[in-house]
C-alpha atoms as a PDB file:
ATOM      1  CA  MET A   1      66.278-141.853  10.734  1.00  0.00           C
ATOM      2  CA  SER A   2      69.794-140.507  10.509  1.00  0.00           C
ATOM      3  CA  ASP A   3      70.601-137.281  12.173  1.00  0.00           C
ATOM      4  CA  ASN A   4      71.788-136.060   8.727  1.00  0.00           C
ATOM      5  CA  THR A   5      68.245-135.278   7.880  1.00  0.00           C
ATOM      6  CA  TYR A   6      68.015-132.252  10.071  1.00  0.00           C
ATOM      7  CA  GLU A   7      71.484-131.008   9.311  1.00  0.00           C
ATOM      8  CA  ASN A   8      70.312-128.521   6.649  1.00  0.00           C
ATOM      9  CA  VAL A   9      67.181-127.405   8.652  1.00  0.00           C
ATOM     10  CA  ASN A  10      67.167-124.124  10.765  1.00  0.00           C
ATOM     11  CA  PRO A  11      66.659-124.825  14.262  1.00  0.00           C
ATOM     12  CA  GLU A  12      64.409-121.659  14.741  1.00  0.00           C
ATOM     13  CA  MET A  13      62.340-123.125  12.107  1.00  0.00           C
ATOM     14  CA  ILE A  14      62.224-126.553  14.053  1.00  0.00           C
ATOM     15  CA  ARG A  15      61.335-124.710  17.236  1.00  0.00           C
ATOM     16  CA  LYS A  16      58.479-122.864  15.780  1.00  0.00           C
ATOM     17  CA  ARG A  17      56.909-126.190  14.139  1.00  0.00           C
ATOM     18  CA  LYS A  18      57.086-127.756  17.530  1.00  0.00           C
ATOM     19  CA  ALA A  19      55.478-124.755  19.232  1.00  0.00           C
ATOM     20  CA  LYS A  20      52.723-124.605  16.622  1.00  0.00           C
ATOM     21  CA  ALA A  21      52.209-128.391  17.100  1.00  0.00           C
ATOM     22  CA  GLN A  22      51.759-127.854  20.950  1.00  0.00           C
ATOM     23  CA  GLU A  23      49.655-124.574  20.873  1.00  0.00           C
ATOM     24  CA  THR A  24      45.905-124.806  21.936  1.00  0.00           C
ATOM     25  CA  PRO A  25      42.961-123.669  19.579  1.00  0.00           C
ATOM     26  CA  GLU A  26      42.995-120.174  21.374  1.00  0.00           C
ATOM     27  CA  GLN A  27      46.583-119.657  20.929  1.00  0.00           C
ATOM     28  CA  ARG A  28      46.328-120.762  17.464  1.00  0.00           C
ATOM     29  CA  GLN A  29      43.724-118.358  16.639  1.00  0.00           C
ATOM     30  CA  ALA A  30      45.839-115.499  18.371  1.00  0.00           C
ATOM     31  CA  ARG A  31      48.749-116.273  16.364  1.00  0.00           C
ATOM     32  CA  LEU A  32      46.578-116.229  13.072  1.00  0.00           C
ATOM     33  CA  ASN A  33      45.129-112.759  14.199  1.00  0.00           C
ATOM     34  CA  ARG A  34      48.719-111.364  14.583  1.00  0.00           C
ATOM     35  CA  GLU A  35      50.084-112.611  11.457  1.00  0.00           C
ATOM     36  CA  SER A  36      47.155-111.153   9.629  1.00  0.00           C
ATOM     37  CA  GLU A  37      47.544-107.826  11.159  1.00  0.00           C
ATOM     38  CA  ARG A  38      51.375-107.820  10.421  1.00  0.00           C
ATOM     39  CA  LYS A  39      50.434-108.719   6.845  1.00  0.00           C
ATOM     40  CA  ARG A  40      47.774-105.865   6.616  1.00  0.00           C
ATOM     41  CA  GLN A  41      50.166-103.361   8.091  1.00  0.00           C
ATOM     42  CA  LYS A  42      52.785-104.425   5.501  1.00  0.00           C
ATOM     43  CA  ARG A  43      50.406-103.952   2.698  1.00  0.00           C
ATOM     44  CA  ALA A  44      49.196-100.567   3.967  1.00  0.00           C
ATOM     45  CA  LYS A  45      52.738 -99.410   4.089  1.00  0.00           C
ATOM     46  CA  GLU A  46      53.508-100.880   0.629  1.00  0.00           C
ATOM     47  CA  SER A  47      50.490 -98.856  -0.587  1.00  0.00           C
ATOM     48  CA  GLU A  48      51.517 -95.662   1.023  1.00  0.00           C
ATOM     49  CA  ASN A  49      54.890 -95.935  -0.219  1.00  0.00           C
ATOM     50  CA  LYS A  50      53.462 -96.389  -4.022  1.00  0.00           C
ATOM     51  CA  ARG A  51      51.252 -93.434  -3.379  1.00  0.00           C
ATOM     52  CA  ASN A  52      53.946 -91.279  -2.047  1.00  0.00           C
ATOM     53  CA  GLU A  53      56.044 -92.206  -5.406  1.00  0.00           C
ATOM     54  CA  ARG A  54      53.233 -91.283  -7.697  1.00  0.00           C
ATOM     55  CA  LEU A  55      52.595 -87.896  -5.700  1.00  0.00           C
ATOM     56  CA  GLU A  56      56.178 -87.176  -6.105  1.00  0.00           C
ATOM     57  CA  SER A  57      56.323 -88.261  -9.863  1.00  0.00           C
ATOM     58  CA  LEU A  58      53.363 -85.948 -10.458  1.00  0.00           C
ATOM     59  CA  ARG A  59      54.695 -83.217  -8.580  1.00  0.00           C
ATOM     60  CA  LYS A  60      58.056 -83.285 -10.764  1.00  0.00           C
ATOM     61  CA  ARG A  61      55.887 -83.493 -14.108  1.00  0.00           C
ATOM     62  CA  ARG A  62      53.962 -80.412 -12.826  1.00  0.00           C
ATOM     63  CA  ASN A  63      57.265 -78.534 -11.943  1.00  0.00           C
ATOM     64  CA  ASN A  64      58.550 -79.326 -15.345  1.00  0.00           C
ATOM     65  CA  LYS A  65      55.462 -78.059 -17.039  1.00  0.00           C
ATOM     66  CA  LYS A  66      55.600 -74.651 -14.934  1.00  0.00           C
ATOM     67  CA  GLU A  67      59.143 -74.390 -15.903  1.00  0.00           C
ATOM     68  CA  MET A  68      58.360 -74.620 -19.869  1.00  0.00           C
ATOM     69  CA  GLU A  69      55.259 -72.819 -19.793  1.00  0.00           C
ATOM     70  CA  LYS A  70      54.970 -69.318 -21.395  1.00  0.00           C
ATOM     71  CA  ASP A  71      53.930 -65.962 -20.088  1.00  0.00           C
ATOM     72  CA  ASP A  72      50.286 -66.144 -21.039  1.00  0.00           C
ATOM     73  CA  GLU A  73      50.173 -69.993 -20.128  1.00  0.00           C
ATOM     74  CA  ARG A  74      51.493 -68.845 -16.497  1.00  0.00           C
ATOM     75  CA  VAL A  75      48.838 -66.048 -16.243  1.00  0.00           C
ATOM     76  CA  ILE A  76      46.074 -68.347 -17.225  1.00  0.00           C
ATOM     77  CA  ARG A  77      47.045 -71.085 -14.754  1.00  0.00           C
ATOM     78  CA  LEU A  78      47.406 -68.623 -11.987  1.00  0.00           C
ATOM     79  CA  ALA A  79      43.839 -67.413 -12.628  1.00  0.00           C
ATOM     80  CA  HIS A  80      42.571 -70.911 -12.341  1.00  0.00           C
ATOM     81  CA  GLU A  81      44.378 -71.751  -9.331  1.00  0.00           C
ATOM     82  CA  SER A  82      43.270 -68.673  -7.714  1.00  0.00           C
ATOM     83  CA  ASN A  83      39.579 -69.465  -8.790  1.00  0.00           C
ATOM     84  CA  ARG A  84      39.776 -72.781  -7.491  1.00  0.00           C
ATOM     85  CA  LYS A  85      41.178 -71.657  -3.889  1.00  0.00           C
ATOM     86  CA  ARG A  86      38.394 -68.787  -4.076  1.00  0.00           C
ATOM     87  CA  VAL A  87      35.691 -71.685  -4.579  1.00  0.00           C
ATOM     88  CA  LEU A  88      36.997 -73.773  -2.141  1.00  0.00           C
ATOM     89  CA  ARG A  89      37.130 -71.244   0.724  1.00  0.00           C
ATOM     90  CA  ALA A  90      33.565 -70.190   0.071  1.00  0.00           C
ATOM     91  CA  ARG A  91      32.461 -74.115   0.203  1.00  0.00           C
ATOM     92  CA  ASN A  92      34.248 -74.708   3.555  1.00  0.00           C
ATOM     93  CA  LYS A  93      32.860 -71.389   4.910  1.00  0.00           C
ATOM     94  CA  ASN A  94      29.234 -72.427   3.928  1.00  0.00           C
ATOM     95  CA  GLN A  95      29.803 -75.818   5.415  1.00  0.00           C
ATOM     96  CA  LEU A  96      31.040 -74.127   8.776  1.00  0.00           C
ATOM     97  CA  GLN A  97      28.119 -71.972   8.769  1.00  0.00           C
ATOM     98  CA  ASP A  98      25.680 -74.832   8.060  1.00  0.00           C
ATOM     99  CA  GLN A  99      27.314 -77.026  10.847  1.00  0.00           C
ATOM    100  CA  GLN A 100      26.898 -74.019  13.259  1.00  0.00           C
ATOM    101  CA  ILE A 101      23.303 -73.546  12.339  1.00  0.00           C
ATOM    102  CA  ASN A 102      22.490 -77.406  12.887  1.00  0.00           C
ATOM    103  CA  GLU A 103      24.340 -77.659  16.150  1.00  0.00           C
ATOM    104  CA  PRO A 104      22.027 -77.707  19.181  1.00  0.00           C
ATOM    105  CA  ASN A 105      22.532 -74.831  21.644  1.00  0.00           C
ATOM    106  CA  ASP A 106      22.248 -76.204  25.300  1.00  0.00           C
ATOM    107  CA  ASN A 107      21.804 -72.568  26.623  1.00  0.00           C
ATOM    108  CA  GLU A 108      19.272 -71.358  24.109  1.00  0.00           C
ATOM    109  CA  HIS A 109      16.419 -71.583  26.727  1.00  0.00           C
ATOM    110  CA  ILE A 110      18.545 -69.371  28.766  1.00  0.00           C
ATOM    111  CA  GLN A 111      19.276 -66.672  26.107  1.00  0.00           C
ATOM    112  CA  ARG A 112      15.903 -66.718  25.017  1.00  0.00           C
ATOM    113  CA  GLU A 113      13.731 -63.725  26.322  1.00  0.00           C
ATOM    114  CA  PRO A 114      10.197 -62.836  25.608  1.00  0.00           C
ATOM    115  CA  ASP A 115      11.218 -59.547  23.933  1.00  0.00           C
ATOM    116  CA  ASN A 116       9.848 -58.197  20.696  1.00  0.00           C
ATOM    117  CA  ARG A 117      12.987 -56.423  19.906  1.00  0.00           C
ATOM    118  CA  ASN A 118      15.047 -59.704  20.124  1.00  0.00           C
ATOM    119  CA  MET A 119      12.491 -61.410  17.741  1.00  0.00           C
ATOM    120  CA  HIS A 120      13.091 -58.683  15.399  1.00  0.00           C
ATOM    121  CA  VAL A 121      16.708 -59.166  15.172  1.00  0.00           C
ATOM    122  CA  ARG A 122      16.656 -62.671  14.718  1.00  0.00           C
ATOM    123  CA  SER A 123      14.056 -62.066  11.888  1.00  0.00           C
ATOM    124  CA  THR A 124      16.188 -59.632  10.101  1.00  0.00           C
ATOM    125  CA  SER A 125      19.635 -61.572  10.566  1.00  0.00           C
ATOM    126  CA  SER A 126      18.678 -63.841   7.867  1.00  0.00           C
ATOM    127  CA  THR A 127      18.186 -61.261   5.431  1.00  0.00           C
ATOM    128  CA  THR A 128      21.510 -59.457   6.156  1.00  0.00           C
ATOM    129  CA  ILE A 129      25.112 -60.687   5.864  1.00  0.00           C
ATOM    130  CA  SER A 130      27.731 -60.630   8.751  1.00  0.00           C
ATOM    131  CA  GLU A 131      30.569 -58.189   8.896  1.00  0.00           C
ATOM    132  CA  ASP A 132      33.052 -61.053   7.893  1.00  0.00           C
ATOM    133  CA  ASP A 133      31.067 -61.828   5.089  1.00  0.00           C
ATOM    134  CA  HIS A 134      30.852 -58.300   3.954  1.00  0.00           C
ATOM    135  CA  LYS A 135      34.787 -57.941   4.067  1.00  0.00           C
ATOM    136  CA  VAL A 136      35.059 -61.054   1.936  1.00  0.00           C
ATOM    137  CA  LEU A 137      32.762 -59.824  -0.540  1.00  0.00           C
ATOM    138  CA  GLN A 138      34.373 -56.531  -0.762  1.00  0.00           C
ATOM    139  CA  LYS A 139      37.820 -58.062  -1.226  1.00  0.00           C
ATOM    140  CA  PHE A 140      36.479 -60.040  -3.950  1.00  0.00           C
ATOM    141  CA  ARG A 141      34.923 -56.935  -6.054  1.00  0.00           C
ATOM    142  CA  ASN A 142      38.536 -55.299  -5.168  1.00  0.00           C
ATOM    143  CA  LYS A 143      40.126 -58.060  -6.996  1.00  0.00           C
ATOM    144  CA  MET A 144      37.547 -58.298  -9.842  1.00  0.00           C
ATOM    145  CA  ASP A 145      38.006 -54.436 -10.208  1.00  0.00           C
ATOM    146  CA  ASN A 146      42.016 -54.541 -10.372  1.00  0.00           C
ATOM    147  CA  ILE A 147      41.860 -57.216 -13.215  1.00  0.00           C
ATOM    148  CA  GLN A 148      43.539 -55.563 -16.292  1.00  0.00           C
ATOM    149  CA  TYR A 149      41.703 -56.060 -19.464  1.00  0.00           C
ATOM    150  CA  ASN A 150      43.611 -55.412 -22.806  1.00  0.00           C
ATOM    151  CA  THR A 151      41.908 -55.226 -26.086  1.00  0.00           C
ATOM    152  CA  CYS A 152      43.523 -56.277 -29.481  1.00  0.00           C
ATOM    153  CA  PRO A 153      42.787 -53.414 -31.815  1.00  0.00           C
ATOM    154  CA  GLU A 154      42.901 -55.717 -34.976  1.00  0.00           C
ATOM    155  CA  CYS A 155      40.451 -58.397 -33.747  1.00  0.00           C
ATOM    156  CA  ASN A 156      38.774 -56.394 -30.736  1.00  0.00           C
ATOM    157  CA  GLU A 157      39.060 -59.215 -28.570  1.00  0.00           C
ATOM    158  CA  ARG A 158      39.256 -58.367 -24.836  1.00  0.00           C
ATOM    159  CA  ILE A 159      40.416 -60.798 -22.121  1.00  0.00           C
ATOM    160  CA  PRO A 160      42.150 -60.472 -18.782  1.00  0.00           C
ATOM    161  CA  ASP A 161      45.858 -59.602 -18.743  1.00  0.00           C
ATOM    162  CA  MET A 162      46.261 -60.105 -22.660  1.00  0.00           C
ATOM    163  CA  THR A 163      49.733 -60.136 -24.016  1.00  0.00           C
ATOM    164  CA  LEU A 164      50.326 -57.700 -26.771  1.00  0.00           C
ATOM    165  CA  ILE A 165      53.031 -57.963 -29.157  1.00  0.00           C
ATOM    166  CA  LYS A 166      53.622 -54.947 -31.210  1.00  0.00           C
ATOM    167  CA  GLY A 167      50.123 -53.750 -30.452  1.00  0.00           C
ATOM    168  CA  GLU A 168      48.350 -56.952 -31.492  1.00  0.00           C
ATOM    169  CA  CYS A 169      47.175 -60.187 -29.716  1.00  0.00           C
ATOM    170  CA  ARG A 170      49.439 -63.343 -30.189  1.00  0.00           C
ATOM    171  CA  ARG A 171      47.033 -64.752 -32.584  1.00  0.00           C
ATOM    172  CA  CYS A 172      46.847 -61.680 -34.845  1.00  0.00           C
ATOM    173  CA  HIS A 173      50.493 -61.180 -34.517  1.00  0.00           C
ATOM    174  CA  ASN A 174      51.147 -64.581 -36.015  1.00  0.00           C
ATOM    175  CA  ASP A 175      48.540 -64.456 -38.591  1.00  0.00           C
ATOM    176  CA  LYS A 176      50.461 -63.413 -41.749  1.00  0.00           C
ATOM    177  CA  LYS A 177      47.628 -63.432 -44.216  1.00  0.00           C
ATOM    178  CA  THR A 178      46.069 -60.280 -45.604  1.00  0.00           C
ATOM    179  CA  PRO A 179      43.364 -59.585 -44.387  1.00  0.00           C
ATOM    180  CA  LYS A 180      43.786 -61.179 -41.223  1.00  0.00           C
ATOM    181  CA  LYS A 181      41.168 -63.611 -40.222  1.00  0.00           C
ATOM    182  CA  PHE A 182      39.335 -61.930 -37.464  1.00  0.00           C
ATOM    183  CA  SER A 183      39.927 -58.240 -38.744  1.00  0.00           C
ATOM    184  CA  ALA A 184      37.530 -55.849 -39.796  1.00  0.00           C
ATOM    185  CA  ASP A 185      38.689 -55.942 -43.387  1.00  0.00           C
ATOM    186  CA  ASN A 186      37.483 -59.650 -43.335  1.00  0.00           C
ATOM    187  CA  ASN A 187      34.013 -58.594 -42.220  1.00  0.00           C
ATOM    188  CA  MET A 188      34.588 -60.050 -38.799  1.00  0.00           C
ATOM    189  CA  ASP A 189      34.186 -56.830 -36.533  1.00  0.00           C
ATOM    190  CA  PRO A 190      30.601 -56.678 -35.027  1.00  0.00           C
ATOM    191  CA  GLY A 191      30.732 -53.068 -34.671  1.00  0.00           C
ATOM    192  CA  GLU A 192      30.493 -50.623 -31.813  1.00  0.00           C
ATOM    193  CA  VAL A 193      29.015 -51.772 -28.499  1.00  0.00           C
ATOM    194  CA  PRO A 194      25.914 -49.564 -27.559  1.00  0.00           C
ATOM    195  CA  ASP A 195      25.982 -47.459 -24.750  1.00  0.00           C
ATOM    196  CA  GLU A 196      23.610 -49.588 -22.608  1.00  0.00           C
ATOM    197  CA  LEU A 197      25.904 -52.494 -22.968  1.00  0.00           C
ATOM    198  CA  GLN A 198      29.114 -50.821 -22.130  1.00  0.00           C
ATOM    199  CA  GLY A 199      31.004 -51.224 -18.766  1.00  0.00           C
ATOM    200  CA  LEU A 200      29.513 -54.630 -18.116  1.00  0.00           C
ATOM    201  CA  THR A 201      30.990 -57.325 -15.734  1.00  0.00           C
ATOM    202  CA  ASP A 202      31.440 -60.690 -16.703  1.00  0.00           C
ATOM    203  CA  ILE A 203      28.507 -61.969 -14.929  1.00  0.00           C
ATOM    204  CA  GLU A 204      26.238 -59.367 -16.332  1.00  0.00           C
ATOM    205  CA  GLU A 205      27.344 -60.391 -19.848  1.00  0.00           C
ATOM    206  CA  MET A 206      26.538 -64.034 -19.162  1.00  0.00           C
ATOM    207  CA  LEU A 207      23.086 -63.095 -17.770  1.00  0.00           C
ATOM    208  CA  ILE A 208      22.100 -60.890 -20.747  1.00  0.00           C
ATOM    209  CA  ALA A 209      23.446 -63.206 -23.351  1.00  0.00           C
ATOM    210  CA  GLN A 210      20.999 -64.726 -25.833  1.00  0.00           C
ATOM    211  CA  VAL A 211      23.021 -67.750 -26.597  1.00  0.00           C
ATOM    212  CA  PHE A 212      24.174 -70.397 -23.848  1.00  0.00           C
ATOM    213  CA  THR A 213      27.223 -72.274 -25.026  1.00  0.00           C
ATOM    214  CA  VAL A 214      28.074 -75.793 -23.886  1.00  0.00           C
ATOM    215  CA  MET A 215      31.313 -77.366 -24.640  1.00  0.00           C
ATOM    216  CA  SER A 216      33.988 -79.769 -22.970  1.00  0.00           C
ATOM    217  CA  VAL A 217      37.257 -78.261 -22.222  1.00  0.00           C
ATOM    218  CA  TYR A 218      40.399 -80.419 -21.504  1.00  0.00           C
ATOM    219  CA  ARG A 219      43.672 -79.346 -19.976  1.00  0.00           C
ATOM    220  CA  LEU A 220      46.442 -80.544 -22.328  1.00  0.00           C
ATOM    221  CA  ARG A 221      49.778 -81.717 -21.691  1.00  0.00           C
ATOM    222  CA  GLY A 222      51.894 -78.474 -21.513  1.00  0.00           C
ATOM    223  CA  GLY A 223      49.258 -76.256 -19.681  1.00  0.00           C
ATOM    224  CA  GLN A 224      47.171 -75.543 -22.946  1.00  0.00           C
ATOM    225  CA  ASN A 225      43.419 -75.801 -22.909  1.00  0.00           C
ATOM    226  CA  GLY A 226      41.452 -77.528 -25.716  1.00  0.00           C
ATOM    227  CA  TYR A 227      37.901 -78.813 -26.359  1.00  0.00           C
ATOM    228  CA  LYS A 228      36.848 -82.155 -27.737  1.00  0.00           C
ATOM    229  CA  GLY A 229      33.429 -83.048 -29.453  1.00  0.00           C
ATOM    230  CA  ASN A 230      30.864 -80.742 -30.499  1.00  0.00           C
ATOM    231  CA  VAL A 231      30.092 -77.208 -29.316  1.00  0.00           C
ATOM    232  CA  ILE A 232      26.325 -76.827 -28.600  1.00  0.00           C
ATOM    233  CA  ASN A 233      24.611 -73.256 -28.542  1.00  0.00           C
ATOM    234  CA  PHE A 234      21.333 -73.103 -26.656  1.00  0.00           C
ATOM    235  CA  PRO A 235      18.992 -70.122 -27.164  1.00  0.00           C
ATOM    236  CA  GLN A 236      18.334 -68.281 -23.989  1.00  0.00           C
ATOM    237  CA  ASP A 237      15.254 -66.055 -23.431  1.00  0.00           C
ATOM    238  CA  VAL A 238      16.451 -63.066 -21.183  1.00  0.00           C
ATOM    239  CA  ARG A 239      13.208 -61.089 -21.715  1.00  0.00           C
ATOM    240  CA  GLU A 240      11.680 -61.958 -18.428  1.00  0.00           C
ATOM    241  CA  PHE A 241      15.005 -61.550 -16.361  1.00  0.00           C
ATOM    242  CA  THR A 242      15.778 -58.092 -17.931  1.00  0.00           C
ATOM    243  CA  ARG A 243      12.327 -56.726 -16.955  1.00  0.00           C
ATOM    244  CA  ARG A 244      13.213 -57.273 -13.360  1.00  0.00           C
ATOM    245  CA  LEU A 245      16.688 -55.397 -13.647  1.00  0.00           C
ATOM    246  CA  PRO A 246      16.936 -51.881 -12.294  1.00  0.00           C
END
């Protein structure tokens, strides 16, 4: 065979082929493991890069939505984010407390004393809350009390941080018909709230509601909320529950 046959062949490739032909089964297995590990690391790096690109694209879209959102949409978004953070903090705190309860204490036999007073303290601690929990609860109550509720005089709708335009909510302000759809002139005013039902919190209103509504809510592009499908109303028997209220 002429030497011109190997003129266009890379010498490094020839060396690798000879080395592969001379390697033992153990060396071959080790080489295959190294190549497999390099491929795995390469795929993991490519996957991480794609994930970072998707996160960056999602972050840009969210920033664009935040820049284009209106004042009332921003208030609703901040309220949702605050609620999600509060729920997440409460969930993490409960998990931490459960973990501390389930962890075995090696010094338990040393701290245990045959004293009836200590047994009474342990029995009552399960029905009381700690000082930290009391502070968190008080902080939550203060935030709920500081929420401002505005009422539209036209439709009597009352929601947190409602934006009033010329003394009306945005929906009534945009309604140019006469009479307005949700006004008292259109027989849409349910009347005055009884004294017994005034000043209720959101949770108290849900507890005494005689109708329980189930619907599917979706977040639309632009930050708006919408629902899809049917809205189902279930009757709720609250007589047994209201008898136990103080």
